[in-house]
Protein backbone atom coordinates (compact mmCIF):
# COMPACT_ATOMS: atom_id res chain seq x y z
CA MET A 1 -184.41 -95.68 29.99
CA GLY A 2 -185.94 -98.74 31.62
CA GLU A 3 -186.11 -101.91 29.67
CA LEU A 4 -184.88 -100.30 26.53
CA GLY A 5 -181.82 -98.75 28.04
CA ARG A 6 -180.78 -101.90 29.81
CA TRP A 7 -180.13 -103.71 26.56
CA CYS A 8 -178.26 -100.82 24.85
CA SER A 9 -174.53 -101.16 24.73
CA ARG A 10 -172.66 -98.38 26.55
CA GLU A 11 -168.93 -97.47 26.77
CA ASN A 12 -166.85 -99.40 29.31
CA GLU A 13 -169.75 -101.53 30.47
CA SER A 14 -170.44 -105.17 30.52
CA PRO A 15 -173.98 -106.72 29.98
CA VAL A 16 -176.44 -105.62 32.62
CA LEU A 17 -177.64 -109.05 33.70
CA PRO A 18 -175.09 -111.82 33.09
CA GLY A 19 -176.50 -115.06 31.85
CA ARG A 20 -175.70 -116.93 35.19
CA ARG A 21 -177.25 -117.38 38.50
CA PRO A 22 -175.94 -115.14 41.28
CA ALA A 23 -173.02 -116.42 43.33
CA GLY A 24 -174.38 -118.62 46.18
CA TYR A 25 -177.58 -119.32 44.34
CA ASN A 26 -179.58 -122.31 45.55
CA ALA A 27 -182.62 -123.06 43.38
CA ALA A 28 -184.34 -124.96 46.28
CA VAL A 29 -183.93 -122.01 48.55
CA ASP A 30 -183.97 -118.92 46.49
CA ASP A 31 -186.90 -119.73 44.16
CA ASP A 32 -189.39 -121.05 46.67
CA THR A 33 -188.79 -121.27 50.45
CA ASP A 34 -186.49 -118.33 51.26
CA GLU A 35 -188.36 -115.13 50.27
CA ARG A 36 -185.43 -113.09 51.59
CA PHE A 37 -183.60 -113.88 48.34
CA ASP A 38 -186.53 -114.40 46.05
CA VAL A 39 -184.96 -112.29 43.33
CA LYS A 40 -185.89 -114.37 40.46
CA PHE A 41 -188.38 -111.70 39.20
CA HIS A 42 -191.61 -113.32 37.90
CA ALA A 43 -191.65 -114.41 34.29
CA ALA A 44 -194.56 -112.23 33.48
CA GLY A 45 -192.45 -109.14 34.13
CA HIS A 46 -188.87 -110.08 33.81
CA GLY A 47 -188.49 -113.61 32.36
CA THR A 48 -185.59 -115.75 33.85
CA ILE A 49 -182.62 -114.21 35.47
CA GLY A 50 -180.32 -112.97 32.93
CA ARG A 51 -182.87 -111.89 30.24
CA PRO A 52 -186.05 -109.92 30.57
CA ALA A 53 -189.07 -111.67 28.87
CA SER A 54 -190.07 -108.25 27.25
CA VAL A 55 -186.84 -108.11 25.26
CA ALA A 56 -188.10 -110.62 22.67
CA VAL A 57 -191.37 -108.77 21.94
CA MET A 58 -189.77 -105.38 22.11
CA SER A 59 -186.84 -105.98 19.75
CA PRO A 60 -188.50 -104.35 16.77
CA VAL A 61 -189.27 -101.35 18.92
CA ILE A 62 -185.73 -101.14 20.16
CA VAL A 63 -184.37 -101.32 16.53
CA ILE A 64 -186.75 -98.44 15.47
CA LEU A 65 -186.02 -96.21 18.44
CA THR A 66 -182.24 -96.84 18.12
CA ALA A 67 -182.50 -95.90 14.42
CA LEU A 68 -184.09 -92.72 15.36
CA GLY A 69 -181.53 -92.04 18.04
CA ILE A 70 -184.02 -91.92 21.05
CA GLY A 71 -183.89 -95.44 22.51
CA CYS A 72 -180.31 -95.32 23.94
CA HIS A 73 -177.64 -92.89 24.89
CA ARG A 74 -174.15 -93.17 26.00
CA ALA A 75 -173.01 -92.11 29.36
CA THR A 76 -171.49 -88.58 29.55
CA SER A 77 -168.78 -89.83 31.79
CA PRO A 78 -167.36 -93.30 32.28
CA PRO A 79 -169.15 -95.40 34.80
CA PRO A 80 -167.60 -95.87 38.30
CA ARG A 81 -165.00 -98.66 38.46
CA SER A 82 -165.29 -100.89 41.59
CA VAL A 83 -165.93 -104.37 42.47
CA ALA A 84 -169.68 -103.62 42.65
CA ALA A 85 -169.62 -101.99 39.25
CA GLU A 86 -168.34 -105.03 37.36
CA THR A 87 -171.94 -105.71 36.40
CA ALA A 88 -173.15 -102.67 34.57
CA LEU A 89 -175.41 -100.21 36.49
CA PRO A 90 -178.18 -98.97 34.07
CA ALA A 91 -180.70 -96.30 34.56
CA THR A 92 -184.00 -97.30 35.82
CA PHE A 93 -187.50 -95.85 36.14
CA SER A 94 -188.33 -93.71 39.05
CA VAL A 95 -191.85 -94.88 39.91
CA GLN A 96 -193.98 -92.14 41.35
CA PRO A 97 -197.31 -92.62 43.17
CA ARG A 98 -200.54 -91.61 41.36
CA PRO A 99 -202.09 -88.38 42.65
CA ALA A 100 -204.17 -88.96 45.64
CA ASP A 101 -207.85 -88.39 46.11
CA ASP A 102 -208.07 -85.81 48.87
CA SER A 103 -211.46 -87.30 49.88
CA LEU A 104 -209.97 -90.63 50.90
CA THR A 105 -209.28 -91.65 54.44
CA GLY A 106 -205.93 -92.31 55.74
CA ARG A 107 -206.55 -96.07 55.69
CA GLU A 108 -207.90 -95.97 52.08
CA LEU A 109 -204.81 -93.87 51.01
CA TYR A 110 -202.52 -96.39 52.81
CA LEU A 111 -204.21 -99.45 51.07
CA ASN A 112 -204.01 -97.78 47.69
CA HIS A 113 -200.46 -96.51 47.88
CA CYS A 114 -198.64 -98.37 50.60
CA GLY A 115 -200.30 -101.65 51.15
CA PRO A 116 -199.06 -103.45 48.06
CA CYS A 117 -195.50 -103.29 49.36
CA HIS A 118 -195.86 -102.83 53.26
CA GLY A 119 -198.79 -105.09 53.47
CA ALA A 120 -202.38 -104.11 54.60
CA ASP A 121 -201.41 -104.75 58.27
CA GLY A 122 -198.16 -102.86 57.90
CA GLY A 123 -195.98 -106.00 58.50
CA GLY A 124 -193.91 -105.61 55.31
CA ARG A 125 -195.29 -108.54 53.50
CA GLY A 126 -197.34 -106.95 50.66
CA GLU A 127 -197.86 -108.74 47.35
CA GLY A 128 -194.94 -106.88 45.82
CA ALA A 129 -192.44 -107.44 48.66
CA ARG A 130 -190.97 -110.64 47.32
CA SER A 131 -189.54 -108.85 44.26
CA LEU A 132 -188.08 -105.92 46.35
CA PHE A 133 -184.64 -105.59 47.71
CA PRO A 134 -184.22 -104.28 50.41
CA ARG A 135 -187.60 -105.52 51.81
CA PRO A 136 -190.40 -103.04 52.57
CA HIS A 137 -190.30 -101.80 56.22
CA ASN A 138 -192.31 -103.59 58.95
CA PHE A 139 -194.14 -100.74 60.55
CA ARG A 140 -195.60 -103.01 63.29
CA SER A 141 -192.31 -104.07 64.92
CA SER A 142 -189.13 -102.91 63.15
CA LYS A 143 -187.17 -99.96 64.38
CA PHE A 144 -187.54 -96.90 62.15
CA ARG A 145 -184.28 -96.06 60.40
CA LEU A 146 -184.54 -92.33 59.49
CA VAL A 147 -185.14 -90.79 62.82
CA SER A 148 -183.97 -87.51 64.32
CA THR A 149 -184.96 -88.06 68.00
CA VAL A 150 -182.57 -89.17 70.75
CA ASN A 151 -184.83 -92.04 71.74
CA GLY A 152 -185.22 -93.39 68.23
CA VAL A 153 -188.97 -92.98 68.16
CA PRO A 154 -189.90 -91.18 64.85
CA SER A 155 -191.60 -87.78 65.03
CA ARG A 156 -194.34 -86.84 62.57
CA ALA A 157 -191.74 -84.58 60.93
CA ASP A 158 -189.42 -87.67 60.49
CA LEU A 159 -192.13 -89.65 58.81
CA GLY A 160 -193.15 -86.61 56.73
CA ALA A 161 -189.63 -86.20 55.52
CA VAL A 162 -189.43 -89.63 54.35
CA LEU A 163 -192.75 -89.44 52.40
CA VAL A 164 -191.42 -86.25 50.70
CA ARG A 165 -187.90 -87.50 49.98
CA GLY A 166 -188.56 -91.25 49.52
CA VAL A 167 -185.68 -93.62 50.28
CA PRO A 168 -182.80 -93.66 47.74
CA GLY A 169 -181.37 -97.02 47.24
CA ALA A 170 -184.74 -98.70 47.98
CA SER A 171 -188.15 -98.87 46.18
CA MET A 172 -189.72 -96.35 48.39
CA PRO A 173 -190.82 -93.37 46.08
CA SER A 174 -191.33 -89.71 46.95
CA PHE A 175 -194.85 -88.63 47.79
CA ARG A 176 -194.01 -84.95 47.30
CA PRO A 177 -196.96 -84.49 44.78
CA PHE A 178 -199.50 -85.36 47.50
CA ALA A 179 -200.95 -82.35 49.48
CA GLU A 180 -199.48 -81.89 52.98
CA ALA A 181 -202.86 -82.84 54.55
CA THR A 182 -203.00 -86.00 52.45
CA ARG A 183 -199.46 -86.98 53.55
CA GLY A 184 -200.60 -86.28 57.09
CA ARG A 185 -203.36 -88.86 56.92
CA LEU A 186 -200.97 -91.41 55.69
CA ILE A 187 -198.75 -90.66 58.63
CA ASP A 188 -201.65 -91.09 60.99
CA GLU A 189 -202.30 -94.54 59.43
CA VAL A 190 -198.68 -95.67 59.81
CA LEU A 191 -198.62 -94.58 63.45
CA ARG A 192 -201.92 -96.42 64.02
CA LEU A 193 -200.27 -99.64 62.57
CA ARG A 194 -197.33 -99.02 64.71
CA ARG A 195 -199.27 -98.74 67.79
CA GLU A 196 -201.48 -101.77 66.88
CA GLY A 197 -198.33 -103.90 66.26
CA LEU A 198 -196.58 -102.89 69.46
CA GLN A 199 -199.77 -103.43 71.40
CA ALA A 200 -200.15 -106.98 70.22
CA ALA A 201 -196.49 -107.74 71.06
CA LEU A 202 -196.65 -106.17 74.47
CA ALA A 203 -199.96 -107.86 75.32
CA PHE A 204 -198.37 -111.19 74.34
CA LYS A 205 -195.33 -110.63 76.51
CA LEU A 206 -197.35 -109.34 79.48
CA GLY A 207 -199.87 -112.24 79.14
CA ASP A 208 -197.05 -114.68 79.17
CA ALA A 209 -195.51 -113.10 82.20
CA HIS A 210 -198.81 -112.71 84.18
CA GLN A 211 -200.16 -116.07 83.06
CA GLU A 212 -203.81 -116.06 84.23
CA ASP A 213 -203.76 -112.53 85.75
CA GLU A 214 -205.76 -110.01 83.88
CA ILE A 215 -203.76 -107.28 82.10
CA ALA A 216 -204.76 -103.82 83.09
CA THR A 217 -205.79 -101.78 80.07
CA GLU A 218 -204.55 -98.54 81.61
CA GLU A 219 -201.16 -100.04 82.29
CA LEU A 220 -200.87 -101.26 78.73
CA ARG A 221 -201.86 -97.79 77.42
CA GLU A 222 -199.17 -96.10 79.58
CA ILE A 223 -196.42 -98.46 78.32
CA LEU A 224 -197.53 -97.87 74.71
CA ASP A 225 -197.53 -94.14 75.24
CA LEU A 226 -193.99 -94.29 76.59
CA GLN A 227 -192.67 -96.43 73.76
CA LEU A 228 -194.44 -94.28 71.06
CA THR A 229 -193.62 -90.77 72.30
CA PRO A 230 -190.79 -89.23 70.40
CA GLY A 231 -187.90 -87.83 72.21
CA ALA A 232 -186.14 -84.49 71.86
CA PRO A 233 -184.64 -83.90 68.31
CA VAL A 234 -180.82 -84.04 68.01
CA ALA A 235 -179.35 -80.54 68.15
CA VAL A 236 -177.66 -79.66 64.78
CA PRO A 237 -175.02 -77.01 64.97
CA LYS A 238 -174.62 -73.99 62.63
CA TRP A 239 -172.82 -75.19 59.60
CA GLY A 240 -169.53 -73.68 58.24
CA PRO A 241 -167.63 -74.27 55.06
CA ALA A 242 -165.55 -77.40 54.43
CA THR A 243 -161.90 -76.40 54.84
CA GLU A 244 -158.91 -78.74 53.86
CA ALA A 245 -158.05 -78.95 57.55
CA LEU A 246 -161.62 -80.01 58.52
CA VAL A 247 -161.69 -82.64 55.81
CA ARG A 248 -158.29 -84.05 56.82
CA ARG A 249 -159.39 -84.12 60.42
CA GLY A 250 -162.62 -85.85 59.40
CA GLY A 251 -160.49 -88.54 57.58
CA GLU A 252 -158.65 -89.17 60.84
CA ILE A 253 -161.90 -89.57 62.79
CA TYR A 254 -163.22 -91.78 60.02
CA ILE A 255 -160.35 -94.35 60.72
CA GLN A 256 -160.72 -93.74 64.56
CA GLN A 257 -164.33 -94.63 64.68
CA GLN A 258 -163.81 -97.74 62.53
CA CYS A 259 -165.90 -96.46 59.62
CA ALA A 260 -163.45 -98.04 57.30
CA ARG A 261 -164.32 -101.53 58.67
CA CYS A 262 -167.58 -101.52 56.92
CA HIS A 263 -167.32 -98.66 54.32
CA GLY A 264 -163.72 -99.30 53.36
CA PRO A 265 -160.70 -96.88 53.55
CA ASP A 266 -161.92 -95.21 50.33
CA GLY A 267 -165.64 -95.23 51.18
CA ARG A 268 -166.57 -97.70 48.53
CA GLY A 269 -167.88 -100.41 50.90
CA ASP A 270 -166.04 -103.30 49.16
CA THR A 271 -165.04 -104.97 52.45
CA GLY A 272 -166.67 -108.36 52.03
CA LEU A 273 -167.84 -108.03 55.68
CA TYR A 274 -171.03 -110.03 56.54
CA LEU A 275 -173.74 -107.68 57.74
CA ALA A 276 -177.44 -108.31 58.61
CA ASN A 277 -180.20 -106.13 60.00
CA GLU A 278 -182.25 -106.83 63.16
CA GLU A 279 -184.73 -108.97 61.24
CA GLY A 280 -181.86 -111.13 59.95
CA TYR A 281 -182.06 -109.86 56.33
CA PRO A 282 -178.62 -109.50 54.80
CA THR A 283 -177.30 -106.00 53.95
CA ARG A 284 -174.11 -104.31 52.85
CA PRO A 285 -172.33 -101.08 53.61
CA ARG A 286 -173.39 -97.97 51.59
CA ASN A 287 -170.94 -97.07 48.91
CA LEU A 288 -170.13 -93.47 50.05
CA VAL A 289 -168.68 -92.62 46.74
CA TRP A 290 -171.29 -93.63 44.08
CA GLU A 291 -174.46 -94.28 45.91
CA GLU A 292 -177.07 -91.77 47.30
CA PHE A 293 -177.62 -91.49 50.97
CA LYS A 294 -180.83 -92.61 52.38
CA GLY A 295 -181.34 -89.71 54.72
CA GLY A 296 -180.29 -86.88 52.48
CA THR A 297 -176.95 -85.43 51.14
CA ASP A 298 -177.05 -82.06 52.94
CA PRO A 299 -174.61 -81.63 55.88
CA PRO A 300 -177.26 -81.43 58.67
CA SER A 301 -178.95 -84.71 57.55
CA ILE A 302 -175.55 -86.54 57.40
CA PHE A 303 -174.83 -85.08 60.84
CA VAL A 304 -177.96 -86.57 62.29
CA ARG A 305 -177.36 -89.96 60.52
CA ILE A 306 -173.83 -90.36 61.86
CA ARG A 307 -174.88 -89.15 65.46
CA LEU A 308 -177.91 -91.50 65.61
CA GLY A 309 -176.97 -94.28 63.14
CA LEU A 310 -179.63 -96.19 61.47
CA PRO A 311 -181.55 -98.02 64.24
CA GLY A 312 -182.13 -101.73 63.43
CA THR A 313 -179.13 -101.89 61.12
CA PRO A 314 -175.41 -102.43 61.44
CA MET A 315 -174.92 -98.66 61.13
CA VAL A 316 -174.25 -97.63 64.79
CA ALA A 317 -174.68 -94.35 66.58
CA ASN A 318 -171.69 -92.17 67.48
CA PRO A 319 -172.66 -90.45 70.88
CA ASN A 320 -169.04 -90.15 71.78
CA LEU A 321 -168.12 -87.67 69.22
CA SER A 322 -168.21 -83.95 69.86
CA GLU A 323 -170.20 -81.46 67.51
CA GLN A 324 -166.81 -80.36 66.06
CA GLU A 325 -165.70 -83.93 65.49
CA LEU A 326 -169.02 -84.82 63.91
CA ALA A 327 -168.84 -81.86 61.66
CA ALA A 328 -165.37 -82.73 60.47
CA LEU A 329 -166.51 -86.32 59.81
CA VAL A 330 -169.46 -85.01 57.84
CA HIS A 331 -167.17 -82.94 55.67
CA HIS A 332 -164.92 -85.84 55.07
CA VAL A 333 -167.84 -88.17 54.05
CA ARG A 334 -169.18 -85.47 51.57
CA SER A 335 -165.67 -85.06 50.06
CA LEU A 336 -165.79 -88.75 49.12
CA ALA A 337 -169.01 -88.49 47.08
CA ARG A 338 -168.73 -88.52 43.22
CA GLU A 339 -171.30 -88.20 40.34
CA PRO A 340 -173.16 -89.75 38.60
CA LYS A 341 -174.78 -91.92 41.19
CA TRP A 342 -175.67 -95.45 40.74
CA PRO A 343 -179.37 -95.93 39.79
CA LEU A 344 -179.53 -99.51 40.95
CA THR A 345 -182.48 -101.85 40.25
CA ASN A 346 -183.84 -104.37 42.82
CA TYR A 347 -182.09 -107.17 41.02
CA GLN A 348 -178.85 -105.34 41.15
CA ARG A 349 -179.08 -104.42 44.79
CA ALA A 350 -179.77 -108.06 45.73
CA LYS A 351 -176.98 -109.32 43.50
CA LEU A 352 -174.41 -107.04 45.22
CA VAL A 353 -175.30 -108.76 48.39
CA LEU A 354 -175.41 -112.27 46.93
CA ASP A 355 -172.09 -111.82 45.01
CA ARG A 356 -170.30 -111.08 48.36
CA GLY A 357 -170.35 -114.83 48.72
CA PHE A 358 -172.91 -115.49 51.46
CA LEU A 359 -176.62 -115.97 52.00
CA SER A 360 -178.78 -114.91 55.04
CA PRO A 361 -178.68 -116.83 58.23
CA GLY A 362 -181.84 -118.56 59.28
CA HIS A 363 -184.77 -116.17 59.83
CA PRO A 364 -186.77 -116.74 63.03
CA GLU A 365 -190.03 -116.94 60.92
């Protein structure tokens, strides 16, 4: 529904964007210097916080479409009720990349489709990054989250899966319409940027350690190859049905592994616990009930995510669990999920963090 649907009244819902600044808002910080929380959304696209600028000019259109019965619709089921849902959670556009020109190089494809968010150098600071929450991934130095290898280095299959699936709960769209060979060239470019970033960081560290000594190119290459070579994929067992006993056992493991400390005993993530990723950006636990899972909802994907965690985030790995215990935990987590899922906007995702009553600690940059 986009802008139109955001301003349509729906049963059991409060206004989408309350006419107030988010809790903890500091104009001196949030509007200018601290780009981690620059969620003001530029006036050209969204107006001030609390009311999109497009509403004024679109009002006649809204009236006409509403009269025709096509501008708004009411939810088929009540929206989920939780602390996070006290601000309404409207539908939003699912932006899809334009069809790619198969004649373009990987670099050209990247600049056209990835650079605006991830930046031309892959550092996560593209022109659109300030308005996105969570921030675009830094390919040069940050750990990749959605990996399936034991050493946390993404395989080409891992990167390809993200391109096909996108990242639910973020602004990363699916590139499924692209030909496999085209996606392959994009993967090549991401891996090139990754190597370039790690090489620069490694050369700096080695140069600082060796002072005036010359750094051997071959030594540098060997270290990079070691850091960039994917390990073996996690073994995923054959999957059986979810029995009542398995789900119950999974619930016990959920408490035992302290999953409830972040995700809450009911999986809704309303714990108020301060969390930040390795870059210092604030984050929050996934609501296992009403939000989509980043790495997929099928049992094998959840198995891998619980086993390996999300590198670079507060979501830890669970290497101490047996395959049977992991399988039981997967069944429990899946039993918590409900429909419909929250289609959160960038503003709402940021607001859910800001409304927890804290801002991010100082960022090293």
